[in-house]
């Protein structure tokens, strides 16, 4: 269930998404609140779970991980125990930097970094021994759009949806 956000919450979240390293004093100036009130707001956003974590976005290639791949994984079995074994193993692999369970085919999409082809091969082998029957690897060539802030502002007005009847009336 979504948390109700007011204008100040949206302003704080937008500022923190743009630069999570901003000081509380900077955020207070931006919102017009006192530093104490601003700190209280940010803490409330963290406690509610809206702000899950504040972290630095590290460039994998510059940090020594030139191989960045996506692995689409389909499991050999689809029972709760097999899924739990695979998911626990995925969580334990430091090379897996993000993982999602999907509806349809494949079952999982993993974002993986590796220092070299040998390390990637080890990750693939370990996934296959934990239930990954089909592992399709796609090499990331270039980042087209970096992770982006959520569009938190008010929804833009959308034109009313036209039904086939209203379309026929226009002809």
N, C-alpha and C. Protein backbone atom coordinates (compact mmCIF):
# COMPACT_ATOMS: atom_id res chain seq x y z
N UNK A 1 0.85 -1.18 0.00
CA UNK A 1 0.00 0.00 0.00
C UNK A 1 0.89 1.24 0.00
N UNK A 2 0.59 2.16 -0.85
CA UNK A 2 1.38 3.39 -0.99
C UNK A 2 1.25 4.27 0.24
N UNK A 3 2.34 4.92 0.60
CA UNK A 3 2.36 5.88 1.70
C UNK A 3 1.90 7.21 1.15
N UNK A 4 1.05 7.91 1.89
CA UNK A 4 0.58 9.22 1.44
C UNK A 4 1.70 10.24 1.61
N UNK A 5 2.05 10.87 0.52
CA UNK A 5 3.13 11.86 0.50
C UNK A 5 2.56 13.25 0.25
N UNK A 6 2.99 14.22 1.05
CA UNK A 6 2.57 15.60 0.78
C UNK A 6 3.65 16.30 -0.04
N UNK A 7 3.44 17.59 -0.32
CA UNK A 7 4.37 18.34 -1.18
C UNK A 7 5.78 18.39 -0.61
N UNK A 8 5.90 18.52 0.69
CA UNK A 8 7.23 18.59 1.30
C UNK A 8 7.94 17.24 1.20
N UNK A 9 7.19 16.15 1.44
CA UNK A 9 7.77 14.81 1.27
C UNK A 9 8.30 14.63 -0.15
N UNK A 10 7.50 15.04 -1.13
CA UNK A 10 7.89 14.90 -2.53
C UNK A 10 9.13 15.75 -2.83
N UNK A 11 9.18 16.96 -2.28
CA UNK A 11 10.34 17.82 -2.46
C UNK A 11 11.59 17.19 -1.84
N UNK A 12 11.46 16.64 -0.63
CA UNK A 12 12.60 15.98 0.02
C UNK A 12 13.05 14.76 -0.78
N UNK A 13 12.11 13.93 -1.20
CA UNK A 13 12.46 12.73 -1.95
C UNK A 13 13.11 13.07 -3.29
N UNK A 14 12.60 14.07 -3.95
CA UNK A 14 13.18 14.48 -5.24
C UNK A 14 14.61 14.98 -5.04
N UNK A 15 14.82 15.77 -4.00
CA UNK A 15 16.17 16.29 -3.72
C UNK A 15 17.12 15.16 -3.35
N UNK A 16 16.67 14.22 -2.55
CA UNK A 16 17.54 13.11 -2.14
C UNK A 16 17.81 12.14 -3.29
N UNK A 17 16.84 11.97 -4.18
CA UNK A 17 17.10 11.13 -5.36
C UNK A 17 18.14 11.76 -6.27
N UNK A 18 18.13 13.08 -6.36
CA UNK A 18 19.10 13.77 -7.21
C UNK A 18 20.49 13.74 -6.58
N UNK A 19 20.54 13.87 -5.24
CA UNK A 19 21.83 13.87 -4.54
C UNK A 19 21.58 13.47 -3.09
N UNK A 20 21.79 12.21 -2.79
CA UNK A 20 21.54 11.70 -1.44
C UNK A 20 22.58 12.18 -0.44
N UNK A 21 23.60 12.87 -0.92
CA UNK A 21 24.67 13.36 -0.06
C UNK A 21 24.37 14.77 0.49
N UNK A 22 23.20 15.29 0.20
CA UNK A 22 22.85 16.63 0.68
C UNK A 22 22.77 16.63 2.20
N UNK A 23 23.18 17.72 2.78
CA UNK A 23 23.12 17.83 4.24
C UNK A 23 21.70 18.16 4.67
N UNK A 24 21.43 17.92 5.94
CA UNK A 24 20.12 18.24 6.49
C UNK A 24 19.85 19.74 6.41
N UNK A 25 20.89 20.55 6.59
CA UNK A 25 20.74 22.01 6.50
C UNK A 25 20.33 22.41 5.08
N UNK A 26 20.96 21.80 4.07
CA UNK A 26 20.58 22.09 2.68
C UNK A 26 19.12 21.71 2.43
N UNK A 27 18.72 20.54 2.93
CA UNK A 27 17.33 20.10 2.74
C UNK A 27 16.37 21.03 3.46
N UNK A 28 16.76 21.51 4.63
CA UNK A 28 15.90 22.44 5.38
C UNK A 28 15.72 23.74 4.59
N UNK A 29 16.81 24.27 4.02
CA UNK A 29 16.69 25.49 3.21
C UNK A 29 15.78 25.27 2.01
N UNK A 30 15.91 24.11 1.40
CA UNK A 30 15.11 23.79 0.21
C UNK A 30 13.62 23.72 0.53
N UNK A 31 13.28 23.15 1.68
CA UNK A 31 11.87 22.96 2.03
C UNK A 31 11.27 24.10 2.82
N UNK A 32 12.12 24.94 3.43
CA UNK A 32 11.61 26.03 4.26
C UNK A 32 11.29 25.56 5.67
N UNK A 33 11.66 24.34 6.00
CA UNK A 33 11.45 23.83 7.36
C UNK A 33 12.69 24.08 8.20
N UNK A 34 12.55 23.92 9.50
CA UNK A 34 13.72 23.97 10.38
C UNK A 34 14.53 22.70 10.18
N UNK A 35 15.82 22.73 10.50
CA UNK A 35 16.61 21.50 10.38
C UNK A 35 16.03 20.35 11.21
N UNK A 36 15.51 20.63 12.38
CA UNK A 36 14.93 19.57 13.22
C UNK A 36 13.69 18.97 12.55
N UNK A 37 12.83 19.81 12.01
CA UNK A 37 11.63 19.32 11.33
C UNK A 37 11.99 18.53 10.07
N UNK A 38 13.02 19.00 9.38
CA UNK A 38 13.47 18.31 8.17
C UNK A 38 14.00 16.93 8.53
N UNK A 39 14.83 16.86 9.57
CA UNK A 39 15.38 15.58 10.02
C UNK A 39 14.25 14.63 10.42
N UNK A 40 13.25 15.16 11.11
CA UNK A 40 12.09 14.34 11.50
C UNK A 40 11.37 13.78 10.26
N UNK A 41 11.19 14.62 9.25
CA UNK A 41 10.52 14.19 8.00
C UNK A 41 11.31 13.08 7.31
N UNK A 42 12.63 13.27 7.18
CA UNK A 42 13.46 12.28 6.51
C UNK A 42 13.45 10.97 7.29
N UNK A 43 13.54 11.05 8.61
CA UNK A 43 13.48 9.83 9.43
C UNK A 43 12.14 9.12 9.25
N UNK A 44 11.06 9.87 9.19
CA UNK A 44 9.73 9.27 9.01
C UNK A 44 9.64 8.57 7.64
N UNK A 45 10.24 9.18 6.62
CA UNK A 45 10.25 8.55 5.29
C UNK A 45 11.06 7.25 5.31
N UNK A 46 12.13 7.23 6.09
CA UNK A 46 12.92 5.99 6.22
C UNK A 46 12.15 4.94 7.00
N UNK A 47 11.55 5.34 8.10
CA UNK A 47 10.81 4.38 8.94
C UNK A 47 9.60 3.80 8.21
N UNK A 48 8.98 4.58 7.33
CA UNK A 48 7.82 4.09 6.58
C UNK A 48 8.23 3.14 5.46
N UNK A 49 9.52 3.14 5.13
CA UNK A 49 10.00 2.29 4.04
C UNK A 49 10.04 2.97 2.69
N UNK A 50 9.56 4.19 2.59
CA UNK A 50 9.61 4.92 1.32
C UNK A 50 11.07 5.09 0.90
N UNK A 51 11.91 5.52 1.83
CA UNK A 51 13.36 5.53 1.60
C UNK A 51 13.88 4.22 2.17
N UNK A 52 14.30 3.33 1.26
CA UNK A 52 14.78 2.03 1.71
C UNK A 52 16.22 2.07 2.18
N UNK A 53 17.05 2.77 1.43
CA UNK A 53 18.47 2.82 1.77
C UNK A 53 19.08 4.01 1.04
N UNK A 54 20.11 4.59 1.64
CA UNK A 54 20.85 5.67 1.00
C UNK A 54 22.24 5.11 0.72
N UNK A 55 22.66 5.16 -0.54
CA UNK A 55 23.96 4.60 -0.89
C UNK A 55 24.56 5.34 -2.07
N UNK A 56 25.86 5.10 -2.26
CA UNK A 56 26.56 5.67 -3.41
C UNK A 56 26.34 4.76 -4.61
N UNK A 57 26.23 5.34 -5.79
CA UNK A 57 26.12 4.58 -7.04
C UNK A 57 27.52 4.46 -7.61
N UNK A 58 28.11 3.26 -7.50
CA UNK A 58 29.50 3.03 -7.89
C UNK A 58 29.54 2.53 -9.33
N UNK A 59 30.46 3.07 -10.12
CA UNK A 59 30.63 2.62 -11.49
C UNK A 59 31.34 1.27 -11.49
N UNK A 60 30.67 0.19 -11.95
CA UNK A 60 31.27 -1.15 -11.89
C UNK A 60 32.59 -1.25 -12.66
N UNK A 61 32.66 -0.71 -13.86
CA UNK A 61 33.88 -0.83 -14.66
C UNK A 61 35.05 -0.12 -13.98
N UNK A 62 34.83 1.07 -13.46
CA UNK A 62 35.91 1.80 -12.80
C UNK A 62 36.31 1.14 -11.48
N UNK A 63 35.40 0.37 -10.88
CA UNK A 63 35.70 -0.32 -9.63
C UNK A 63 36.30 -1.71 -9.86
N UNK A 64 36.57 -2.06 -11.12
CA UNK A 64 37.24 -3.32 -11.40
C UNK A 64 36.35 -4.46 -11.87
N UNK A 65 35.15 -4.14 -12.31
CA UNK A 65 34.22 -5.16 -12.81
C UNK A 65 33.83 -4.83 -14.24
N UNK A 66 34.71 -5.11 -15.21
CA UNK A 66 34.44 -4.74 -16.60
C UNK A 66 33.32 -5.56 -17.25
N UNK A 67 33.06 -6.76 -16.74
CA UNK A 67 31.96 -7.56 -17.30
C UNK A 67 30.68 -7.31 -16.52
N UNK A 68 29.69 -6.82 -17.23
CA UNK A 68 28.37 -6.60 -16.64
C UNK A 68 27.37 -7.31 -17.54
N UNK A 69 26.65 -8.26 -16.96
CA UNK A 69 25.75 -9.09 -17.76
C UNK A 69 24.39 -9.20 -17.08
N UNK A 70 23.42 -9.56 -17.89
CA UNK A 70 22.13 -9.97 -17.38
C UNK A 70 22.02 -11.46 -17.64
N UNK A 71 21.52 -12.18 -16.66
CA UNK A 71 21.30 -13.61 -16.82
C UNK A 71 19.81 -13.86 -16.65
N UNK A 72 19.19 -14.37 -17.70
CA UNK A 72 17.80 -14.79 -17.63
C UNK A 72 17.82 -16.26 -17.24
N UNK A 73 17.26 -16.58 -16.08
CA UNK A 73 17.34 -17.93 -15.53
C UNK A 73 15.96 -18.58 -15.48
N UNK A 74 15.89 -19.78 -16.01
CA UNK A 74 14.68 -20.60 -15.91
C UNK A 74 15.02 -21.80 -15.05
N UNK A 75 14.20 -22.08 -14.07
CA UNK A 75 14.46 -23.19 -13.15
C UNK A 75 14.01 -24.51 -13.74
N UNK A 76 14.68 -25.58 -13.30
CA UNK A 76 14.31 -26.92 -13.76
C UNK A 76 13.04 -27.39 -13.06
N UNK A 77 12.83 -26.93 -11.83
CA UNK A 77 11.62 -27.29 -11.08
C UNK A 77 10.98 -26.02 -10.56
N UNK A 78 9.65 -26.04 -10.43
CA UNK A 78 8.92 -24.84 -10.02
C UNK A 78 8.11 -25.07 -8.75
N UNK A 79 8.73 -25.67 -7.76
CA UNK A 79 8.08 -25.85 -6.47
C UNK A 79 8.70 -24.87 -5.47
N UNK A 80 8.02 -24.61 -4.36
CA UNK A 80 8.52 -23.61 -3.40
C UNK A 80 9.94 -23.92 -2.88
N UNK A 81 10.24 -25.19 -2.63
CA UNK A 81 11.57 -25.54 -2.10
C UNK A 81 12.66 -25.24 -3.13
N UNK A 82 12.44 -25.61 -4.39
CA UNK A 82 13.44 -25.35 -5.43
C UNK A 82 13.66 -23.86 -5.63
N UNK A 83 12.57 -23.10 -5.60
CA UNK A 83 12.69 -21.64 -5.73
C UNK A 83 13.46 -21.05 -4.57
N UNK A 84 13.19 -21.53 -3.35
CA UNK A 84 13.87 -21.02 -2.17
C UNK A 84 15.37 -21.33 -2.23
N UNK A 85 15.73 -22.53 -2.66
CA UNK A 85 17.15 -22.90 -2.77
C UNK A 85 17.85 -21.97 -3.76
N UNK A 86 17.23 -21.75 -4.92
CA UNK A 86 17.83 -20.88 -5.94
C UNK A 86 17.94 -19.44 -5.43
N UNK A 87 16.87 -18.92 -4.85
CA UNK A 87 16.86 -17.53 -4.38
C UNK A 87 17.87 -17.32 -3.25
N UNK A 88 17.98 -18.27 -2.33
CA UNK A 88 18.97 -18.15 -1.26
C UNK A 88 20.39 -18.12 -1.84
N UNK A 89 20.62 -18.94 -2.85
CA UNK A 89 21.94 -18.96 -3.48
C UNK A 89 22.22 -17.63 -4.20
N UNK A 90 21.24 -17.11 -4.90
CA UNK A 90 21.40 -15.83 -5.60
C UNK A 90 21.74 -14.74 -4.59
N UNK A 91 21.05 -14.71 -3.46
CA UNK A 91 21.32 -13.69 -2.43
C UNK A 91 22.74 -13.82 -1.88
N UNK A 92 23.28 -15.02 -1.89
CA UNK A 92 24.62 -15.24 -1.32
C UNK A 92 25.75 -14.86 -2.26
N UNK A 93 25.47 -14.67 -3.54
CA UNK A 93 26.51 -14.37 -4.52
C UNK A 93 26.77 -12.87 -4.58
N UNK A 94 27.97 -12.42 -4.19
CA UNK A 94 28.24 -10.97 -4.24
C UNK A 94 28.27 -10.42 -5.66
N UNK A 95 28.50 -11.27 -6.65
CA UNK A 95 28.53 -10.80 -8.04
C UNK A 95 27.13 -10.47 -8.56
N UNK A 96 26.10 -11.01 -7.93
CA UNK A 96 24.72 -10.68 -8.32
C UNK A 96 24.35 -9.40 -7.60
N UNK A 97 24.24 -8.31 -8.37
CA UNK A 97 24.00 -7.01 -7.75
C UNK A 97 22.52 -6.63 -7.75
N UNK A 98 21.71 -7.37 -8.52
CA UNK A 98 20.26 -7.18 -8.50
C UNK A 98 19.63 -8.45 -9.05
N UNK A 99 18.44 -8.77 -8.54
CA UNK A 99 17.74 -9.97 -9.01
C UNK A 99 16.25 -9.76 -8.86
N UNK A 100 15.52 -10.19 -9.88
CA UNK A 100 14.06 -10.08 -9.86
C UNK A 100 13.44 -11.41 -10.26
N UNK A 101 12.35 -11.76 -9.59
CA UNK A 101 11.53 -12.90 -9.96
C UNK A 101 10.47 -12.39 -10.92
N UNK A 102 10.31 -13.08 -12.06
CA UNK A 102 9.43 -12.61 -13.11
C UNK A 102 8.24 -13.54 -13.30
N UNK A 103 7.18 -13.00 -13.84
CA UNK A 103 6.05 -13.82 -14.29
C UNK A 103 6.34 -14.21 -15.73
N UNK A 104 6.05 -15.43 -16.08
CA UNK A 104 6.28 -15.87 -17.46
C UNK A 104 7.66 -16.47 -17.61
N UNK A 105 8.20 -16.39 -18.81
CA UNK A 105 9.50 -16.97 -19.13
C UNK A 105 10.49 -15.84 -19.33
N UNK A 106 11.61 -15.79 -18.74
CA UNK A 106 12.23 -16.69 -17.77
C UNK A 106 11.68 -16.47 -16.36
N UNK A 107 12.18 -17.25 -15.41
CA UNK A 107 11.71 -17.14 -14.03
C UNK A 107 12.39 -15.99 -13.28
N UNK A 108 13.66 -15.73 -13.61
CA UNK A 108 14.44 -14.71 -12.91
C UNK A 108 15.27 -13.91 -13.89
N UNK A 109 15.52 -12.65 -13.54
CA UNK A 109 16.45 -11.82 -14.29
C UNK A 109 17.48 -11.30 -13.28
N UNK A 110 18.75 -11.65 -13.52
CA UNK A 110 19.82 -11.30 -12.60
C UNK A 110 20.76 -10.30 -13.26
N UNK A 111 21.17 -9.30 -12.53
CA UNK A 111 22.21 -8.38 -12.98
C UNK A 111 23.49 -8.81 -12.27
N UNK A 112 24.52 -9.12 -13.05
CA UNK A 112 25.74 -9.73 -12.51
C UNK A 112 26.97 -8.94 -13.00
N UNK A 113 27.93 -8.78 -12.11
CA UNK A 113 29.22 -8.19 -12.48
C UNK A 113 30.30 -9.23 -12.25
N UNK A 114 31.38 -9.13 -13.04
CA UNK A 114 32.50 -10.05 -12.88
C UNK A 114 33.79 -9.36 -13.28
N UNK A 115 34.87 -9.80 -12.66
CA UNK A 115 36.19 -9.24 -12.97
C UNK A 115 36.73 -9.77 -14.28
N UNK A 116 36.33 -11.02 -14.62
CA UNK A 116 36.80 -11.64 -15.85
C UNK A 116 35.87 -12.79 -16.24
N UNK A 117 36.14 -13.40 -17.39
CA UNK A 117 35.29 -14.48 -17.90
C UNK A 117 35.31 -15.68 -16.97
N UNK A 118 36.43 -15.97 -16.34
CA UNK A 118 36.52 -17.09 -15.41
C UNK A 118 35.56 -16.91 -14.23
N UNK A 119 35.53 -15.71 -13.67
CA UNK A 119 34.62 -15.43 -12.55
C UNK A 119 33.16 -15.56 -13.00
N UNK A 120 32.85 -15.06 -14.19
CA UNK A 120 31.50 -15.20 -14.71
C UNK A 120 31.14 -16.68 -14.89
N UNK A 121 32.08 -17.47 -15.40
CA UNK A 121 31.85 -18.90 -15.55
C UNK A 121 31.56 -19.59 -14.23
N UNK A 122 32.24 -19.17 -13.18
CA UNK A 122 31.99 -19.74 -11.86
C UNK A 122 30.58 -19.41 -11.37
N UNK A 123 30.15 -18.18 -11.60
CA UNK A 123 28.80 -17.78 -11.21
C UNK A 123 27.77 -18.61 -11.96
N UNK A 124 27.95 -18.75 -13.26
CA UNK A 124 27.01 -19.54 -14.08
C UNK A 124 26.97 -21.00 -13.62
N UNK A 125 28.12 -21.58 -13.35
CA UNK A 125 28.17 -22.97 -12.90
C UNK A 125 27.45 -23.13 -11.56
N UNK A 126 27.65 -22.17 -10.66
CA UNK A 126 26.99 -22.28 -9.35
C UNK A 126 25.48 -22.14 -9.47
N UNK A 127 25.02 -21.29 -10.39
CA UNK A 127 23.57 -21.14 -10.60
C UNK A 127 22.97 -22.42 -11.17
N UNK A 128 23.70 -23.05 -12.08
CA UNK A 128 23.16 -24.27 -12.70
C UNK A 128 23.10 -25.42 -11.69
N UNK A 129 23.99 -25.43 -10.69
CA UNK A 129 23.94 -26.50 -9.68
C UNK A 129 22.88 -26.25 -8.62
N UNK A 130 22.28 -25.06 -8.62
CA UNK A 130 21.23 -24.73 -7.65
C UNK A 130 19.85 -24.64 -8.30
N UNK A 131 19.69 -25.26 -9.46
CA UNK A 131 18.37 -25.33 -10.07
C UNK A 131 18.19 -24.55 -11.34
N UNK A 132 19.17 -23.78 -11.74
CA UNK A 132 19.06 -23.03 -12.99
C UNK A 132 19.24 -23.96 -14.17
N UNK A 133 18.14 -24.30 -14.82
CA UNK A 133 18.20 -25.24 -15.94
C UNK A 133 18.65 -24.55 -17.22
N UNK A 134 18.10 -23.38 -17.46
CA UNK A 134 18.42 -22.62 -18.68
C UNK A 134 18.89 -21.24 -18.25
N UNK A 135 20.14 -20.92 -18.58
CA UNK A 135 20.72 -19.63 -18.22
C UNK A 135 21.14 -18.93 -19.50
N UNK A 136 20.46 -17.84 -19.82
CA UNK A 136 20.78 -17.07 -21.02
C UNK A 136 21.47 -15.79 -20.57
N UNK A 137 22.70 -15.61 -21.03
CA UNK A 137 23.51 -14.48 -20.62
C UNK A 137 23.56 -13.43 -21.72
N UNK A 138 23.32 -12.17 -21.34
CA UNK A 138 23.42 -11.05 -22.27
C UNK A 138 24.46 -10.07 -21.74
N UNK A 139 25.45 -9.75 -22.56
CA UNK A 139 26.52 -8.85 -22.19
C UNK A 139 26.07 -7.40 -22.35
N UNK A 140 26.27 -6.61 -21.32
CA UNK A 140 25.94 -5.19 -21.38
C UNK A 140 27.05 -4.48 -22.15
N UNK A 141 26.69 -3.82 -23.23
CA UNK A 141 27.66 -3.09 -24.04
C UNK A 141 27.81 -1.64 -23.57
N UNK A 142 26.69 -1.00 -23.28
CA UNK A 142 26.73 0.41 -22.86
C UNK A 142 25.49 0.74 -22.08
N UNK A 143 25.62 1.65 -21.14
CA UNK A 143 24.48 2.15 -20.40
C UNK A 143 23.81 3.25 -21.21
N UNK A 144 22.55 3.06 -21.53
CA UNK A 144 21.81 4.04 -22.32
C UNK A 144 21.14 5.06 -21.40
N UNK A 145 20.59 4.58 -20.31
CA UNK A 145 19.95 5.46 -19.34
C UNK A 145 20.27 4.94 -17.95
N UNK A 146 20.95 5.74 -17.15
CA UNK A 146 21.29 5.27 -15.80
C UNK A 146 20.03 5.15 -14.95
N UNK A 147 20.14 4.47 -13.81
CA UNK A 147 18.97 4.42 -12.92
C UNK A 147 18.45 5.83 -12.67
N UNK A 148 17.16 6.00 -12.80
CA UNK A 148 16.57 7.33 -12.75
C UNK A 148 15.72 7.52 -11.51
N UNK A 149 15.56 8.76 -11.08
CA UNK A 149 14.66 9.04 -9.96
C UNK A 149 13.22 8.70 -10.33
N UNK A 150 12.43 8.36 -9.33
CA UNK A 150 11.00 8.15 -9.57
C UNK A 150 10.36 9.49 -9.94
N UNK A 151 9.40 9.50 -10.85
CA UNK A 151 8.71 10.75 -11.21
C UNK A 151 7.65 11.06 -10.16
N UNK A 152 8.06 11.70 -9.06
CA UNK A 152 7.20 11.87 -7.89
C UNK A 152 6.20 13.01 -7.99
N UNK A 153 6.38 13.92 -8.91
CA UNK A 153 5.48 15.07 -9.01
C UNK A 153 4.05 14.66 -9.29
N UNK A 154 3.16 15.63 -9.33
CA UNK A 154 1.75 15.30 -9.61
C UNK A 154 1.61 14.69 -11.00
N UNK A 155 0.65 13.77 -11.10
CA UNK A 155 0.40 13.15 -12.41
C UNK A 155 -0.08 14.21 -13.37
N UNK A 156 0.49 14.12 -14.58
CA UNK A 156 0.05 15.06 -15.60
C UNK A 156 -1.34 14.67 -16.08
N UNK A 157 -2.11 15.68 -16.43
CA UNK A 157 -3.46 15.40 -16.90
C UNK A 157 -3.39 14.59 -18.19
N UNK A 158 -4.15 13.54 -18.23
CA UNK A 158 -4.18 12.70 -19.42
C UNK A 158 -5.51 12.92 -20.12
N UNK A 159 -5.49 12.87 -21.45
CA UNK A 159 -6.76 13.02 -22.15
C UNK A 159 -7.65 11.82 -21.83
N UNK A 160 -8.96 12.03 -21.82
CA UNK A 160 -9.86 10.91 -21.54
C UNK A 160 -9.67 9.81 -22.58
N UNK A 161 -9.77 8.58 -22.11
CA UNK A 161 -9.64 7.44 -23.01
C UNK A 161 -10.84 7.38 -23.94
N UNK A 162 -10.56 7.21 -25.21
CA UNK A 162 -11.65 7.16 -26.17
C UNK A 162 -12.08 5.73 -26.41
N UNK A 163 -13.37 5.55 -26.42
CA UNK A 163 -13.92 4.23 -26.68
C UNK A 163 -14.19 4.11 -28.17
N UNK A 164 -14.32 2.91 -28.68
CA UNK A 164 -14.63 2.75 -30.11
C UNK A 164 -15.87 3.53 -30.53
N UNK A 165 -16.89 3.61 -29.66
CA UNK A 165 -18.12 4.34 -29.99
C UNK A 165 -17.81 5.83 -30.18
N UNK A 166 -17.03 6.42 -29.28
CA UNK A 166 -16.72 7.83 -29.42
C UNK A 166 -15.86 8.09 -30.65
N UNK A 167 -15.03 7.14 -31.02
CA UNK A 167 -14.24 7.28 -32.24
C UNK A 167 -15.14 7.23 -33.47
N UNK A 168 -16.12 6.33 -33.46
CA UNK A 168 -17.05 6.24 -34.62
C UNK A 168 -17.87 7.50 -34.75
N UNK A 169 -18.25 8.13 -33.62
CA UNK A 169 -19.07 9.33 -33.68
C UNK A 169 -18.32 10.49 -34.34
N UNK A 170 -17.01 10.48 -34.29
CA UNK A 170 -16.22 11.55 -34.88
C UNK A 170 -16.15 11.46 -36.39
N UNK A 171 -16.37 10.30 -36.94
CA UNK A 171 -16.21 10.11 -38.39
C UNK A 171 -17.30 10.75 -39.18
